[in-house]
Amino acid sequence: MDVESLRNYCLQKPHATESFPFDEVTLVFKVHGKMFALLGLEWEDTAINLKCDPEKAIELRETYPGDVIPGYHSNKKHWNTVYTQRVPQKELKAWIDHSYDLVFAKLPKRLRR
C-alpha cells in the first residue's frame, strides 16, 4: 500500500485523527488522543509503525522476517515497523485494525460508545 492509501485507511476508523506532533514528515494517527499508528512520509521504503500484543508481535516478526521489525519507539513495548510493499494488503489492513482495537479497548468506557 502507498502512503495515501494507508492514510485513508487509518482515517476511516471511528474517531481517528491525524497530526504531526514529532516532525513534519511523520503522521501520527490517534483515537481519542491515544496513538495507534505512525506513518513516515519521507522514509525510503513505505512503512507504518503499529502496536501489537506480545504474541502477535512475535508472530509477525517470525512470519515476515526483515519486513516486520521492532519499532523505533523504544519506549513503547510491542510496536513494530511494517514495510508495506512486501506485506500483503489484506494482512496489513488486519494489523492496522488490530493496533486500533488494542488502543480503543484501553479507552475509558465513556469514549468507546
Protein backbone atom coordinates (compact mmCIF):
# COMPACT_ATOMS: atom_id res chain seq x y z
CA MET A 1 0.00 0.00 0.00
CA ASP A 2 1.20 3.51 -0.67
CA VAL A 3 1.25 6.34 1.86
CA GLU A 4 -2.05 7.88 0.75
CA SER A 5 -3.87 4.53 0.87
CA LEU A 6 -2.51 3.86 4.37
CA ARG A 7 -3.51 7.35 5.49
CA ASN A 8 -7.05 6.96 4.15
CA TYR A 9 -7.45 3.52 5.72
CA CYS A 10 -6.35 4.77 9.15
CA LEU A 11 -8.67 7.77 8.95
CA GLN A 12 -11.67 5.52 8.20
CA LYS A 13 -11.51 4.24 11.76
CA PRO A 14 -14.11 5.74 14.13
CA HIS A 15 -12.79 8.83 15.94
CA ALA A 16 -9.39 8.58 14.20
CA THR A 17 -7.41 11.79 13.80
CA GLU A 18 -4.01 12.61 12.37
CA SER A 19 -1.33 15.07 13.41
CA PHE A 20 2.37 15.93 13.09
CA PRO A 21 3.48 16.01 16.75
CA PHE A 22 7.06 14.79 16.19
CA ASP A 23 8.13 16.46 12.97
CA GLU A 24 6.73 17.45 9.61
CA VAL A 25 7.38 14.06 8.00
CA THR A 26 5.75 11.60 10.41
CA LEU A 27 1.96 11.36 10.54
CA VAL A 28 0.56 10.12 13.82
CA PHE A 29 -2.87 8.51 13.94
CA LYS A 30 -4.77 8.60 17.20
CA VAL A 31 -8.11 7.55 18.57
CA HIS A 32 -9.30 9.92 21.31
CA GLY A 33 -5.73 11.15 21.76
CA LYS A 34 -4.09 7.70 22.01
CA MET A 35 -1.64 6.74 19.27
CA PHE A 36 -2.35 3.61 17.20
CA ALA A 37 -0.12 4.18 14.13
CA LEU A 38 2.82 6.24 12.86
CA LEU A 39 3.39 6.73 9.16
CA GLY A 40 6.65 8.08 7.78
CA LEU A 41 6.09 10.33 4.78
CA GLU A 42 9.68 10.55 3.60
CA TRP A 43 11.08 7.14 4.52
CA GLU A 44 12.91 5.35 1.72
CA ASP A 45 10.52 2.37 1.90
CA THR A 46 6.85 2.87 2.76
CA ALA A 47 6.46 1.70 6.34
CA ILE A 48 3.98 2.10 9.16
CA ASN A 49 4.55 1.61 12.88
CA LEU A 50 1.81 -0.38 14.59
CA LYS A 51 1.12 -1.59 18.10
CA CYS A 52 0.67 -5.33 18.71
CA ASP A 53 0.03 -7.55 21.69
CA PRO A 54 3.17 -9.54 22.64
CA GLU A 55 2.12 -12.80 20.94
CA LYS A 56 1.10 -11.03 17.74
CA ALA A 57 4.35 -9.06 17.68
CA ILE A 58 6.41 -12.27 17.80
CA GLU A 59 4.21 -13.94 15.18
CA LEU A 60 4.55 -11.02 12.78
CA ARG A 61 8.33 -10.85 13.14
CA GLU A 62 8.66 -14.59 12.53
CA THR A 63 6.25 -14.65 9.56
CA TYR A 64 7.84 -11.64 7.83
CA PRO A 65 11.49 -11.51 8.95
CA GLY A 66 13.07 -8.29 7.74
CA ASP A 67 9.72 -6.83 6.70
CA VAL A 68 8.35 -6.55 10.24
CA ILE A 69 10.90 -5.35 12.79
CA PRO A 70 10.71 -3.86 16.28
CA GLY A 71 9.52 -0.27 16.01
CA TYR A 72 11.82 2.66 16.57
CA HIS A 73 9.73 3.78 19.55
CA SER A 74 11.94 2.02 22.05
CA ASN A 75 9.93 3.37 24.98
CA LYS A 76 6.75 1.74 23.63
CA LYS A 77 6.59 -2.03 24.03
CA HIS A 78 5.38 -4.20 21.20
CA TRP A 79 5.50 -1.64 18.43
CA ASN A 80 6.51 -2.94 15.01
CA THR A 81 7.68 -1.24 11.86
CA VAL A 82 5.92 -2.92 8.92
CA TYR A 83 7.42 -2.39 5.45
CA THR A 84 4.22 -2.29 3.48
CA GLN A 85 5.43 -3.03 -0.04
CA ARG A 86 6.39 -6.59 0.92
CA VAL A 87 3.38 -7.48 3.06
CA PRO A 88 0.00 -8.46 1.57
CA GLN A 89 -2.52 -5.61 1.70
CA LYS A 90 -5.19 -7.76 3.37
CA GLU A 91 -2.84 -8.65 6.23
CA LEU A 92 -1.62 -5.08 6.56
CA LYS A 93 -5.18 -3.84 6.98
CA ALA A 94 -5.81 -6.54 9.59
CA TRP A 95 -2.73 -5.36 11.53
CA ILE A 96 -3.89 -1.75 11.40
CA ASP A 97 -7.27 -2.94 12.71
CA HIS A 98 -5.51 -4.91 15.46
CA SER A 99 -3.46 -1.89 16.54
CA TYR A 100 -6.55 0.35 16.55
CA ASP A 101 -8.57 -2.23 18.51
CA LEU A 102 -5.84 -2.61 21.15
CA VAL A 103 -5.75 1.12 21.77
CA PHE A 104 -9.54 1.53 21.58
CA ALA A 105 -10.10 -1.27 24.13
CA LYS A 106 -7.99 0.59 26.70
CA LEU A 107 -10.01 3.80 26.44
CA PRO A 108 -12.45 4.70 29.22
CA LYS A 109 -15.89 3.18 28.64
CA ARG A 110 -17.48 6.57 28.04
CA LEU A 111 -15.23 7.08 24.99
CA ARG A 112 -15.85 3.62 23.49
CA ARG A 113 -19.52 4.25 22.70
